[in-house]
């Protein structure tokens, strides 16, 4: 069948048909389904062509300055970390990649999951350098600055978190030259498990960066105990692991909690409908409670209430650890 015009934006239809013909020598698809679950602004579809499933992704077009330069996704795909890339047209914003049938990300032992996550991150960091590098400090400062200017939420939790961030800002080694190829958004939605191997998708935020960003983001979703942290870091660093690594990791987890909180608040501000006033209440809002409410269906990260709750929970979590003795100890080691 031809692609239904009600599924693909009219402005993209010609580019999609061109991509299909160039990749498969046909513009006909046997099946097309809009995939859901992510927070990306991109439109992502599962398509079936010649009895095989693929992923079709539609992004905003970007100017192509150096067309022969491999993208981060292509570099990762060549190493078997990302699904195969069959078509990439940056100028048109159309990508076709392999589809990995997902199964729950569960191993026979919880420790196995943490070790596999750490090994996957190490493989990413061993890739040839990605073509671009952005300033991590400027990114964090920009997000916090935008949030403060918006005035959407204020109060003691925010004041204290941002005061502690100023300490981090002054002490963290932002300009350390030990950079790696980094995904920069290793949340569960960007990990696909096929039953044996973890595949990483959605490389839009990837660039050359501080290695602790990928480690911290992953840890914030999967690690809750000191024992889990130690196993995770031991797997990644091996015998080289020492107190400096632990300190950098701890502080970066705080930075990434703030970053994700700012992003959630930004999403929430865009999701609110007319008449809604942001509730500044911060009590009894935790990541543990968020998990319960997401599991029961009471909250969804795709709408305003879920996004606000997640942002607040991240701020409370960050403040909890900023107030702990480990914060001052870690800052002293940087």
C-alpha atoms as a PDB file:
ATOM      1  CA  UNK A   1       0.000   0.000   0.000  1.00  0.00           C
ATOM      2  CA  UNK A   2       1.033   3.620  -0.399  1.00  0.00           C
ATOM      3  CA  UNK A   3       1.717   5.645   2.741  1.00  0.00           C
ATOM      4  CA  UNK A   4      -1.533   7.081   4.156  1.00  0.00           C
ATOM      5  CA  UNK A   5      -1.407  10.852   3.856  1.00  0.00           C
ATOM      6  CA  UNK A   6      -3.046  11.282   7.259  1.00  0.00           C
ATOM      7  CA  UNK A   7      -0.039   9.646   8.980  1.00  0.00           C
ATOM      8  CA  UNK A   8       2.826  11.520   7.336  1.00  0.00           C
ATOM      9  CA  UNK A   9       2.872  15.348   7.337  1.00  0.00           C
ATOM     10  CA  UNK A  10       2.187  16.607   3.832  1.00  0.00           C
ATOM     11  CA  UNK A  11       5.422  18.602   3.808  1.00  0.00           C
ATOM     12  CA  UNK A  12       7.395  15.386   4.453  1.00  0.00           C
ATOM     13  CA  UNK A  13       5.583  12.981   2.137  1.00  0.00           C
ATOM     14  CA  UNK A  14       7.742  13.537  -0.947  1.00  0.00           C
ATOM     15  CA  UNK A  15      10.964  13.181   1.075  1.00  0.00           C
ATOM     16  CA  UNK A  16       9.683   9.966   2.691  1.00  0.00           C
ATOM     17  CA  UNK A  17       8.728   8.458  -0.668  1.00  0.00           C
ATOM     18  CA  UNK A  18      12.142   9.409  -2.043  1.00  0.00           C
ATOM     19  CA  UNK A  19      13.840   7.728   0.940  1.00  0.00           C
ATOM     20  CA  UNK A  20      11.770   4.565   0.538  1.00  0.00           C
ATOM     21  CA  UNK A  21      12.492   4.313  -3.175  1.00  0.00           C
ATOM     22  CA  UNK A  22      16.202   4.942  -2.696  1.00  0.00           C
ATOM     23  CA  UNK A  23      16.431   2.362   0.103  1.00  0.00           C
ATOM     24  CA  UNK A  24      14.000  -0.336  -1.044  1.00  0.00           C
ATOM     25  CA  UNK A  25      13.315   0.467  -4.718  1.00  0.00           C
ATOM     26  CA  UNK A  26       9.638   0.950  -3.874  1.00  0.00           C
ATOM     27  CA  UNK A  27       7.420   3.539  -2.214  1.00  0.00           C
ATOM     28  CA  UNK A  28       4.929   0.918  -1.015  1.00  0.00           C
ATOM     29  CA  UNK A  29       4.790  -0.157   2.622  1.00  0.00           C
ATOM     30  CA  UNK A  30       2.975  -3.180   4.002  1.00  0.00           C
ATOM     31  CA  UNK A  31       2.418  -1.562   7.388  1.00  0.00           C
ATOM     32  CA  UNK A  32       3.031   1.774   9.114  1.00  0.00           C
ATOM     33  CA  UNK A  33       2.423   2.496  12.803  1.00  0.00           C
ATOM     34  CA  UNK A  34       3.174   5.670  14.743  1.00  0.00           C
ATOM     35  CA  UNK A  35       5.301   4.652  17.715  1.00  0.00           C
ATOM     36  CA  UNK A  36       4.671   6.243  21.102  1.00  0.00           C
ATOM     37  CA  UNK A  37       6.393   6.342  24.478  1.00  0.00           C
ATOM     38  CA  UNK A  38       9.205   8.815  23.876  1.00  0.00           C
ATOM     39  CA  UNK A  39       9.369  12.507  24.730  1.00  0.00           C
ATOM     40  CA  UNK A  40      11.134  13.522  21.523  1.00  0.00           C
ATOM     41  CA  UNK A  41       9.534  16.059  19.209  1.00  0.00           C
ATOM     42  CA  UNK A  42      10.422  13.813  16.269  1.00  0.00           C
ATOM     43  CA  UNK A  43       7.771  11.637  14.617  1.00  0.00           C
ATOM     44  CA  UNK A  44       8.827   7.974  14.772  1.00  0.00           C
ATOM     45  CA  UNK A  45       7.118   5.133  12.887  1.00  0.00           C
ATOM     46  CA  UNK A  46       7.510   1.402  12.541  1.00  0.00           C
ATOM     47  CA  UNK A  47       7.215   0.457   8.891  1.00  0.00           C
ATOM     48  CA  UNK A  48       7.148  -2.906   7.157  1.00  0.00           C
ATOM     49  CA  UNK A  49       8.722  -3.204   3.709  1.00  0.00           C
ATOM     50  CA  UNK A  50       9.431  -6.453   1.867  1.00  0.00           C
ATOM     51  CA  UNK A  51       8.297  -8.398   4.946  1.00  0.00           C
ATOM     52  CA  UNK A  52      10.883  -6.698   7.206  1.00  0.00           C
ATOM     53  CA  UNK A  53      10.356  -4.103   9.929  1.00  0.00           C
ATOM     54  CA  UNK A  54      12.234  -0.801  10.039  1.00  0.00           C
ATOM     55  CA  UNK A  55      12.053   2.501  11.918  1.00  0.00           C
ATOM     56  CA  UNK A  56      11.220   5.675  10.013  1.00  0.00           C
ATOM     57  CA  UNK A  57      12.070   8.896  11.844  1.00  0.00           C
ATOM     58  CA  UNK A  58      11.122  12.400  10.751  1.00  0.00           C
ATOM     59  CA  UNK A  59      13.113  15.313  12.165  1.00  0.00           C
ATOM     60  CA  UNK A  60      13.373  18.976  11.385  1.00  0.00           C
ATOM     61  CA  UNK A  61      15.708  19.504   8.408  1.00  0.00           C
ATOM     62  CA  UNK A  62      19.226  20.677   9.289  1.00  0.00           C
ATOM     63  CA  UNK A  63      21.753  22.456   7.063  1.00  0.00           C
ATOM     64  CA  UNK A  64      24.401  20.036   5.792  1.00  0.00           C
ATOM     65  CA  UNK A  65      27.837  21.635   5.844  1.00  0.00           C
ATOM     66  CA  UNK A  66      29.966  18.523   5.361  1.00  0.00           C
ATOM     67  CA  UNK A  67      27.868  15.795   3.747  1.00  0.00           C
ATOM     68  CA  UNK A  68      30.566  13.105   3.854  1.00  0.00           C
ATOM     69  CA  UNK A  69      30.945  13.373   7.633  1.00  0.00           C
ATOM     70  CA  UNK A  70      29.480  10.409   9.505  1.00  0.00           C
ATOM     71  CA  UNK A  71      26.801  11.193  12.063  1.00  0.00           C
ATOM     72  CA  UNK A  72      27.056  10.000  15.666  1.00  0.00           C
ATOM     73  CA  UNK A  73      24.321   7.454  14.942  1.00  0.00           C
ATOM     74  CA  UNK A  74      26.221   6.058  11.950  1.00  0.00           C
ATOM     75  CA  UNK A  75      29.418   5.751  13.998  1.00  0.00           C
ATOM     76  CA  UNK A  76      27.507   3.886  16.728  1.00  0.00           C
ATOM     77  CA  UNK A  77      25.726   1.665  14.197  1.00  0.00           C
ATOM     78  CA  UNK A  78      29.025   0.693  12.572  1.00  0.00           C
ATOM     79  CA  UNK A  79      30.180  -0.522  15.996  1.00  0.00           C
ATOM     80  CA  UNK A  80      26.996  -2.531  16.576  1.00  0.00           C
ATOM     81  CA  UNK A  81      25.798  -0.266  19.398  1.00  0.00           C
ATOM     82  CA  UNK A  82      22.925   1.348  17.473  1.00  0.00           C
ATOM     83  CA  UNK A  83      20.623  -0.378  14.965  1.00  0.00           C
ATOM     84  CA  UNK A  84      21.757  -0.375  11.335  1.00  0.00           C
ATOM     85  CA  UNK A  85      21.267   2.857   9.392  1.00  0.00           C
ATOM     86  CA  UNK A  86      19.738   2.253   5.958  1.00  0.00           C
ATOM     87  CA  UNK A  87      18.997   5.827   4.961  1.00  0.00           C
ATOM     88  CA  UNK A  88      19.955   9.207   6.422  1.00  0.00           C
ATOM     89  CA  UNK A  89      19.037  12.488   4.776  1.00  0.00           C
ATOM     90  CA  UNK A  90      19.863  15.276   7.221  1.00  0.00           C
ATOM     91  CA  UNK A  91      18.772  18.016   4.843  1.00  0.00           C
ATOM     92  CA  UNK A  92      15.304  16.471   4.533  1.00  0.00           C
ATOM     93  CA  UNK A  93      15.142  15.191   8.117  1.00  0.00           C
ATOM     94  CA  UNK A  94      14.376  11.578   7.131  1.00  0.00           C
ATOM     95  CA  UNK A  95      16.049   8.511   8.633  1.00  0.00           C
ATOM     96  CA  UNK A  96      15.407   4.780   8.154  1.00  0.00           C
ATOM     97  CA  UNK A  97      17.041   2.377  10.608  1.00  0.00           C
ATOM     98  CA  UNK A  98      16.684  -1.222  11.698  1.00  0.00           C
ATOM     99  CA  UNK A  99      13.869  -2.144  14.060  1.00  0.00           C
ATOM    100  CA  UNK A 100      14.743  -4.114  17.200  1.00  0.00           C
ATOM    101  CA  UNK A 101      11.727  -6.036  18.608  1.00  0.00           C
ATOM    102  CA  UNK A 102      11.893  -4.986  22.276  1.00  0.00           C
ATOM    103  CA  UNK A 103      11.608  -7.227  25.305  1.00  0.00           C
ATOM    104  CA  UNK A 104      11.686  -6.075  28.966  1.00  0.00           C
ATOM    105  CA  UNK A 105      15.180  -5.035  30.070  1.00  0.00           C
ATOM    106  CA  UNK A 106      15.553  -7.797  32.647  1.00  0.00           C
ATOM    107  CA  UNK A 107      18.450 -10.167  33.298  1.00  0.00           C
ATOM    108  CA  UNK A 108      18.553 -13.275  35.465  1.00  0.00           C
ATOM    109  CA  UNK A 109      20.192 -11.216  38.233  1.00  0.00           C
ATOM    110  CA  UNK A 110      19.955  -7.458  38.972  1.00  0.00           C
ATOM    111  CA  UNK A 111      23.757  -7.214  39.111  1.00  0.00           C
ATOM    112  CA  UNK A 112      23.908  -8.473  35.528  1.00  0.00           C
ATOM    113  CA  UNK A 113      21.808  -5.524  34.347  1.00  0.00           C
ATOM    114  CA  UNK A 114      24.134  -2.995  35.983  1.00  0.00           C
ATOM    115  CA  UNK A 115      27.249  -4.634  34.578  1.00  0.00           C
ATOM    116  CA  UNK A 116      25.742  -4.787  31.075  1.00  0.00           C
ATOM    117  CA  UNK A 117      24.754  -1.122  31.264  1.00  0.00           C
ATOM    118  CA  UNK A 118      28.284  -0.168  32.324  1.00  0.00           C
ATOM    119  CA  UNK A 119      29.813  -2.259  29.526  1.00  0.00           C
ATOM    120  CA  UNK A 120      27.488  -0.661  26.980  1.00  0.00           C
ATOM    121  CA  UNK A 121      28.497   2.820  28.128  1.00  0.00           C
ATOM    122  CA  UNK A 122      32.163   1.887  27.948  1.00  0.00           C
ATOM    123  CA  UNK A 123      31.644   0.723  24.355  1.00  0.00           C
ATOM    124  CA  UNK A 124      30.069   4.066  23.500  1.00  0.00           C
ATOM    125  CA  UNK A 125      32.992   5.900  25.071  1.00  0.00           C
ATOM    126  CA  UNK A 126      35.479   3.806  23.092  1.00  0.00           C
ATOM    127  CA  UNK A 127      33.984   4.925  19.766  1.00  0.00           C
ATOM    128  CA  UNK A 128      35.948   7.253  17.478  1.00  0.00           C
ATOM    129  CA  UNK A 129      35.382  10.846  18.518  1.00  0.00           C
ATOM    130  CA  UNK A 130      32.026  12.268  17.517  1.00  0.00           C
ATOM    131  CA  UNK A 131      32.314  15.245  15.158  1.00  0.00           C
ATOM    132  CA  UNK A 132      31.013  17.937  17.513  1.00  0.00           C
ATOM    133  CA  UNK A 133      31.619  19.138  21.066  1.00  0.00           C
ATOM    134  CA  UNK A 134      29.376  21.460  23.075  1.00  0.00           C
ATOM    135  CA  UNK A 135      29.982  23.210  26.375  1.00  0.00           C
ATOM    136  CA  UNK A 136      28.386  21.198  29.174  1.00  0.00           C
ATOM    137  CA  UNK A 137      28.634  24.098  31.599  1.00  0.00           C
ATOM    138  CA  UNK A 138      26.948  26.491  29.162  1.00  0.00           C
ATOM    139  CA  UNK A 139      24.155  23.955  28.618  1.00  0.00           C
ATOM    140  CA  UNK A 140      23.468  23.568  32.349  1.00  0.00           C
ATOM    141  CA  UNK A 141      23.764  27.299  33.037  1.00  0.00           C
ATOM    142  CA  UNK A 142      21.421  28.040  30.145  1.00  0.00           C
ATOM    143  CA  UNK A 143      18.709  25.646  31.314  1.00  0.00           C
ATOM    144  CA  UNK A 144      18.826  26.925  34.895  1.00  0.00           C
ATOM    145  CA  UNK A 145      18.891  30.531  33.700  1.00  0.00           C
ATOM    146  CA  UNK A 146      15.830  29.994  31.497  1.00  0.00           C
ATOM    147  CA  UNK A 147      13.975  28.360  34.378  1.00  0.00           C
ATOM    148  CA  UNK A 148      14.758  31.216  36.756  1.00  0.00           C
ATOM    149  CA  UNK A 149      13.670  33.804  34.204  1.00  0.00           C
ATOM    150  CA  UNK A 150      10.387  31.978  33.605  1.00  0.00           C
ATOM    151  CA  UNK A 151       9.412  32.387  37.272  1.00  0.00           C
ATOM    152  CA  UNK A 152       7.197  29.310  36.975  1.00  0.00           C
ATOM    153  CA  UNK A 153       8.275  27.882  40.342  1.00  0.00           C
ATOM    154  CA  UNK A 154      10.181  29.330  43.279  1.00  0.00           C
ATOM    155  CA  UNK A 155      10.786  28.426  46.897  1.00  0.00           C
ATOM    156  CA  UNK A 156      13.347  27.127  49.409  1.00  0.00           C
ATOM    157  CA  UNK A 157      14.063  23.863  47.540  1.00  0.00           C
ATOM    158  CA  UNK A 158      14.940  25.723  44.362  1.00  0.00           C
ATOM    159  CA  UNK A 159      16.966  28.386  46.173  1.00  0.00           C
ATOM    160  CA  UNK A 160      19.057  25.832  48.043  1.00  0.00           C
ATOM    161  CA  UNK A 161      19.567  23.571  45.012  1.00  0.00           C
ATOM    162  CA  UNK A 162      20.760  26.468  42.892  1.00  0.00           C
ATOM    163  CA  UNK A 163      23.047  27.697  45.689  1.00  0.00           C
ATOM    164  CA  UNK A 164      24.655  24.249  45.851  1.00  0.00           C
ATOM    165  CA  UNK A 165      24.895  24.199  42.058  1.00  0.00           C
ATOM    166  CA  UNK A 166      26.883  27.438  42.261  1.00  0.00           C
ATOM    167  CA  UNK A 167      29.395  25.538  44.422  1.00  0.00           C
ATOM    168  CA  UNK A 168      29.521  22.797  41.795  1.00  0.00           C
ATOM    169  CA  UNK A 169      29.858  25.396  39.059  1.00  0.00           C
ATOM    170  CA  UNK A 170      32.925  26.877  40.739  1.00  0.00           C
ATOM    171  CA  UNK A 171      34.613  23.571  41.623  1.00  0.00           C
ATOM    172  CA  UNK A 172      33.758  21.056  38.884  1.00  0.00           C
ATOM    173  CA  UNK A 173      36.503  20.466  36.255  1.00  0.00           C
ATOM    174  CA  UNK A 174      34.342  21.492  33.276  1.00  0.00           C
ATOM    175  CA  UNK A 175      37.331  21.997  31.018  1.00  0.00           C
ATOM    176  CA  UNK A 176      38.962  18.629  31.646  1.00  0.00           C
ATOM    177  CA  UNK A 177      40.369  17.490  28.284  1.00  0.00           C
ATOM    178  CA  UNK A 178      39.490  13.833  28.971  1.00  0.00           C
ATOM    179  CA  UNK A 179      36.437  13.828  26.706  1.00  0.00           C
ATOM    180  CA  UNK A 180      34.718  10.872  25.024  1.00  0.00           C
ATOM    181  CA  UNK A 181      32.016  10.218  22.462  1.00  0.00           C
ATOM    182  CA  UNK A 182      28.865  10.540  24.555  1.00  0.00           C
ATOM    183  CA  UNK A 183      25.174   9.766  23.968  1.00  0.00           C
ATOM    184  CA  UNK A 184      24.027  12.324  26.575  1.00  0.00           C
ATOM    185  CA  UNK A 185      20.487  10.967  27.012  1.00  0.00           C
ATOM    186  CA  UNK A 186      20.740   7.381  28.233  1.00  0.00           C
ATOM    187  CA  UNK A 187      17.265   7.137  29.703  1.00  0.00           C
ATOM    188  CA  UNK A 188      15.261   3.873  29.500  1.00  0.00           C
ATOM    189  CA  UNK A 189      13.327   5.054  26.413  1.00  0.00           C
ATOM    190  CA  UNK A 190      16.589   5.137  24.483  1.00  0.00           C
ATOM    191  CA  UNK A 191      17.610   1.589  25.391  1.00  0.00           C
ATOM    192  CA  UNK A 192      16.156  -1.364  23.478  1.00  0.00           C
ATOM    193  CA  UNK A 193      16.789  -4.901  24.720  1.00  0.00           C
ATOM    194  CA  UNK A 194      16.417  -7.810  22.298  1.00  0.00           C
ATOM    195  CA  UNK A 195      16.761 -10.490  24.983  1.00  0.00           C
ATOM    196  CA  UNK A 196      20.531 -10.714  24.704  1.00  0.00           C
ATOM    197  CA  UNK A 197      21.932  -7.294  23.961  1.00  0.00           C
ATOM    198  CA  UNK A 198      21.187  -3.667  24.844  1.00  0.00           C
ATOM    199  CA  UNK A 199      20.860  -1.430  21.780  1.00  0.00           C
ATOM    200  CA  UNK A 200      21.025   2.351  22.053  1.00  0.00           C
ATOM    201  CA  UNK A 201      18.741   4.555  19.942  1.00  0.00           C
ATOM    202  CA  UNK A 202      18.009   8.286  19.457  1.00  0.00           C
ATOM    203  CA  UNK A 203      21.439   9.875  19.030  1.00  0.00           C
ATOM    204  CA  UNK A 204      20.129  13.419  18.498  1.00  0.00           C
ATOM    205  CA  UNK A 205      21.807  14.753  21.658  1.00  0.00           C
ATOM    206  CA  UNK A 206      25.127  12.960  21.113  1.00  0.00           C
ATOM    207  CA  UNK A 207      28.426  14.816  20.987  1.00  0.00           C
ATOM    208  CA  UNK A 208      31.937  14.698  22.433  1.00  0.00           C
ATOM    209  CA  UNK A 209      31.498  15.260  26.168  1.00  0.00           C
ATOM    210  CA  UNK A 210      32.439  14.502  29.771  1.00  0.00           C
ATOM    211  CA  UNK A 211      32.328  10.705  30.303  1.00  0.00           C
ATOM    212  CA  UNK A 212      30.492  11.136  33.602  1.00  0.00           C
ATOM    213  CA  UNK A 213      27.348  12.440  31.871  1.00  0.00           C
ATOM    214  CA  UNK A 214      26.376   9.049  30.400  1.00  0.00           C
ATOM    215  CA  UNK A 215      27.335   7.285  33.621  1.00  0.00           C
ATOM    216  CA  UNK A 216      25.330   9.693  35.781  1.00  0.00           C
ATOM    217  CA  UNK A 217      22.182   9.741  33.640  1.00  0.00           C
ATOM    218  CA  UNK A 218      22.048   5.945  33.518  1.00  0.00           C
ATOM    219  CA  UNK A 219      22.693   5.685  37.246  1.00  0.00           C
ATOM    220  CA  UNK A 220      19.883   8.115  38.025  1.00  0.00           C
ATOM    221  CA  UNK A 221      17.434   5.701  36.409  1.00  0.00           C
ATOM    222  CA  UNK A 222      18.865   2.371  37.584  1.00  0.00           C
ATOM    223  CA  UNK A 223      20.987   2.776  40.729  1.00  0.00           C
ATOM    224  CA  UNK A 224      19.571   3.291  44.223  1.00  0.00           C
ATOM    225  CA  UNK A 225      22.179   1.804  46.593  1.00  0.00           C
ATOM    226  CA  UNK A 226      25.878   2.244  47.352  1.00  0.00           C
ATOM    227  CA  UNK A 227      26.488  -1.406  46.494  1.00  0.00           C
ATOM    228  CA  UNK A 228      24.909  -0.989  43.062  1.00  0.00           C
ATOM    229  CA  UNK A 229      26.969   2.139  42.448  1.00  0.00           C
ATOM    230  CA  UNK A 230      30.194   0.344  43.313  1.00  0.00           C
ATOM    231  CA  UNK A 231      29.437  -2.574  40.989  1.00  0.00           C
ATOM    232  CA  UNK A 232      28.512  -0.184  38.175  1.00  0.00           C
ATOM    233  CA  UNK A 233      31.680   1.884  38.535  1.00  0.00           C
ATOM    234  CA  UNK A 234      33.923  -1.154  39.020  1.00  0.00           C
ATOM    235  CA  UNK A 235      32.605  -2.620  35.777  1.00  0.00           C
ATOM    236  CA  UNK A 236      33.234   0.621  33.900  1.00  0.00           C
ATOM    237  CA  UNK A 237      36.609   1.657  35.360  1.00  0.00           C
ATOM    238  CA  UNK A 238      37.997  -1.746  36.336  1.00  0.00           C
ATOM    239  CA  UNK A 239      41.035  -1.699  38.607  1.00  0.00           C
ATOM    240  CA  UNK A 240      41.591   1.995  37.921  1.00  0.00           C
ATOM    241  CA  UNK A 241      38.548   2.980  40.022  1.00  0.00           C
ATOM    242  CA  UNK A 242      39.432   5.349  42.868  1.00  0.00           C
ATOM    243  CA  UNK A 243      37.892   8.046  45.064  1.00  0.00           C
ATOM    244  CA  UNK A 244      38.264  10.796  42.449  1.00  0.00           C
ATOM    245  CA  UNK A 245      36.096   8.832  39.995  1.00  0.00           C
ATOM    246  CA  UNK A 246      33.470   8.321  42.692  1.00  0.00           C
ATOM    247  CA  UNK A 247      33.457  12.035  43.522  1.00  0.00           C
ATOM    248  CA  UNK A 248      33.083  13.124  39.879  1.00  0.00           C
ATOM    249  CA  UNK A 249      30.312  10.562  39.419  1.00  0.00           C
ATOM    250  CA  UNK A 250      28.419  11.676  42.535  1.00  0.00           C
ATOM    251  CA  UNK A 251      28.548  15.358  41.598  1.00  0.00           C
ATOM    252  CA  UNK A 252      27.567  14.693  37.980  1.00  0.00           C
ATOM    253  CA  UNK A 253      24.527  12.729  39.160  1.00  0.00           C
ATOM    254  CA  UNK A 254      23.405  15.910  40.928  1.00  0.00           C
ATOM    255  CA  UNK A 255      24.020  18.029  37.836  1.00  0.00           C
ATOM    256  CA  UNK A 256      22.046  15.598  35.669  1.00  0.00           C
ATOM    257  CA  UNK A 257      19.143  15.572  38.116  1.00  0.00           C
ATOM    258  CA  UNK A 258      18.984  19.348  37.810  1.00  0.00           C
ATOM    259  CA  UNK A 259      19.209  19.186  34.013  1.00  0.00           C
ATOM    260  CA  UNK A 260      16.400  16.644  33.731  1.00  0.00           C
ATOM    261  CA  UNK A 261      14.316  18.649  36.211  1.00  0.00           C
ATOM    262  CA  UNK A 262      14.723  21.790  34.098  1.00  0.00           C
ATOM    263  CA  UNK A 263      13.756  19.850  30.964  1.00  0.00           C
ATOM    264  CA  UNK A 264      10.674  18.401  32.673  1.00  0.00           C
ATOM    265  CA  UNK A 265       9.568  21.841  33.843  1.00  0.00           C
ATOM    266  CA  UNK A 266      10.061  23.194  30.333  1.00  0.00           C
ATOM    267  CA  UNK A 267       7.911  20.385  28.926  1.00  0.00           C
ATOM    268  CA  UNK A 268       5.283  20.954  31.605  1.00  0.00           C
ATOM    269  CA  UNK A 269       5.128  24.661  30.887  1.00  0.00           C
ATOM    270  CA  UNK A 270       4.456  23.850  27.247  1.00  0.00           C
ATOM    271  CA  UNK A 271       1.881  21.174  28.132  1.00  0.00           C
ATOM    272  CA  UNK A 272      -0.286  23.208  30.479  1.00  0.00           C
ATOM    273  CA  UNK A 273      -3.694  24.237  29.280  1.00  0.00           C
ATOM    274  CA  UNK A 274      -5.285  27.624  29.823  1.00  0.00           C
ATOM    275  CA  UNK A 275      -6.099  28.528  33.396  1.00  0.00           C
ATOM    276  CA  UNK A 276      -3.659  26.115  35.065  1.00  0.00           C
ATOM    277  CA  UNK A 277      -1.433  27.744  37.671  1.00  0.00           C
ATOM    278  CA  UNK A 278       1.789  26.006  38.621  1.00  0.00           C
ATOM    279  CA  UNK A 279       1.538  24.594  42.152  1.00  0.00           C
ATOM    280  CA  UNK A 280       4.737  25.348  44.128  1.00  0.00           C
ATOM    281  CA  UNK A 281       4.084  22.585  46.697  1.00  0.00           C
ATOM    282  CA  UNK A 282       7.167  20.353  47.035  1.00  0.00           C
ATOM    283  CA  UNK A 283       6.322  18.185  50.067  1.00  0.00           C
ATOM    284  CA  UNK A 284       5.745  14.425  49.719  1.00  0.00           C
ATOM    285  CA  UNK A 285       6.997  14.386  46.133  1.00  0.00           C
ATOM    286  CA  UNK A 286       9.656  11.746  45.544  1.00  0.00           C
ATOM    287  CA  UNK A 287      10.998   9.511  42.808  1.00  0.00           C
ATOM    288  CA  UNK A 288       9.684   6.516  44.752  1.00  0.00           C
ATOM    289  CA  UNK A 289       6.164   7.955  44.711  1.00  0.00           C
ATOM    290  CA  UNK A 290       6.542   8.864  41.033  1.00  0.00           C
ATOM    291  CA  UNK A 291       7.369   5.259  40.185  1.00  0.00           C
ATOM    292  CA  UNK A 292       4.279   4.065  42.054  1.00  0.00           C
ATOM    293  CA  UNK A 293       1.995   6.534  40.296  1.00  0.00           C
ATOM    294  CA  UNK A 294       3.461   5.831  36.864  1.00  0.00           C
ATOM    295  CA  UNK A 295       3.024   2.109  37.470  1.00  0.00           C
ATOM    296  CA  UNK A 296      -0.618   2.535  38.479  1.00  0.00           C
ATOM    297  CA  UNK A 297      -1.361   4.811  35.545  1.00  0.00           C
ATOM    298  CA  UNK A 298      -2.196   7.748  37.813  1.00  0.00           C
ATOM    299  CA  UNK A 299       0.557   9.789  36.161  1.00  0.00           C
ATOM    300  CA  UNK A 300       2.077   9.900  32.684  1.00  0.00           C
ATOM    301  CA  UNK A 301       5.267  11.652  31.621  1.00  0.00           C
ATOM    302  CA  UNK A 302       3.495  12.601  28.404  1.00  0.00           C
ATOM    303  CA  UNK A 303       1.288  15.165  30.156  1.00  0.00           C
ATOM    304  CA  UNK A 304       1.523  18.181  32.429  1.00  0.00           C
ATOM    305  CA  UNK A 305       0.937  16.532  35.811  1.00  0.00           C
ATOM    306  CA  UNK A 306       3.491  13.788  35.240  1.00  0.00           C
ATOM    307  CA  UNK A 307       6.106  16.194  33.936  1.00  0.00           C
ATOM    308  CA  UNK A 308       5.658  18.556  36.889  1.00  0.00           C
ATOM    309  CA  UNK A 309       5.771  15.713  39.407  1.00  0.00           C
ATOM    310  CA  UNK A 310       8.943  14.272  37.849  1.00  0.00           C
ATOM    311  CA  UNK A 311      10.659  17.668  37.810  1.00  0.00           C
ATOM    312  CA  UNK A 312       9.802  18.325  41.455  1.00  0.00           C
ATOM    313  CA  UNK A 313      10.864  14.817  42.501  1.00  0.00           C
ATOM    314  CA  UNK A 314      14.234  15.323  40.816  1.00  0.00           C
ATOM    315  CA  UNK A 315      14.745  18.631  42.629  1.00  0.00           C
ATOM    316  CA  UNK A 316      13.905  17.039  45.983  1.00  0.00           C
ATOM    317  CA  UNK A 317      16.234  14.131  45.239  1.00  0.00           C
ATOM    318  CA  UNK A 318      19.055  16.477  44.244  1.00  0.00           C
ATOM    319  CA  UNK A 319      18.637  18.541  47.409  1.00  0.00           C
ATOM    320  CA  UNK A 320      18.624  15.421  49.589  1.00  0.00           C
ATOM    321  CA  UNK A 321      22.078  14.444  48.329  1.00  0.00           C
ATOM    322  CA  UNK A 322      23.375  18.016  48.282  1.00  0.00           C
ATOM    323  CA  UNK A 323      22.601  18.179  52.013  1.00  0.00           C
ATOM    324  CA  UNK A 324      24.470  14.924  52.697  1.00  0.00           C
ATOM    325  CA  UNK A 325      28.060  14.754  54.018  1.00  0.00           C
ATOM    326  CA  UNK A 326      29.128  13.140  50.751  1.00  0.00           C
ATOM    327  CA  UNK A 327      28.487  16.370  48.859  1.00  0.00           C
ATOM    328  CA  UNK A 328      31.169  18.353  50.689  1.00  0.00           C
ATOM    329  CA  UNK A 329      33.495  15.334  50.637  1.00  0.00           C
ATOM    330  CA  UNK A 330      33.109  14.945  46.878  1.00  0.00           C
ATOM    331  CA  UNK A 331      33.542  18.656  46.167  1.00  0.00           C
ATOM    332  CA  UNK A 332      36.788  18.591  48.162  1.00  0.00           C
ATOM    333  CA  UNK A 333      38.155  15.823  45.910  1.00  0.00           C
ATOM    334  CA  UNK A 334      37.520  17.637  42.622  1.00  0.00           C
END
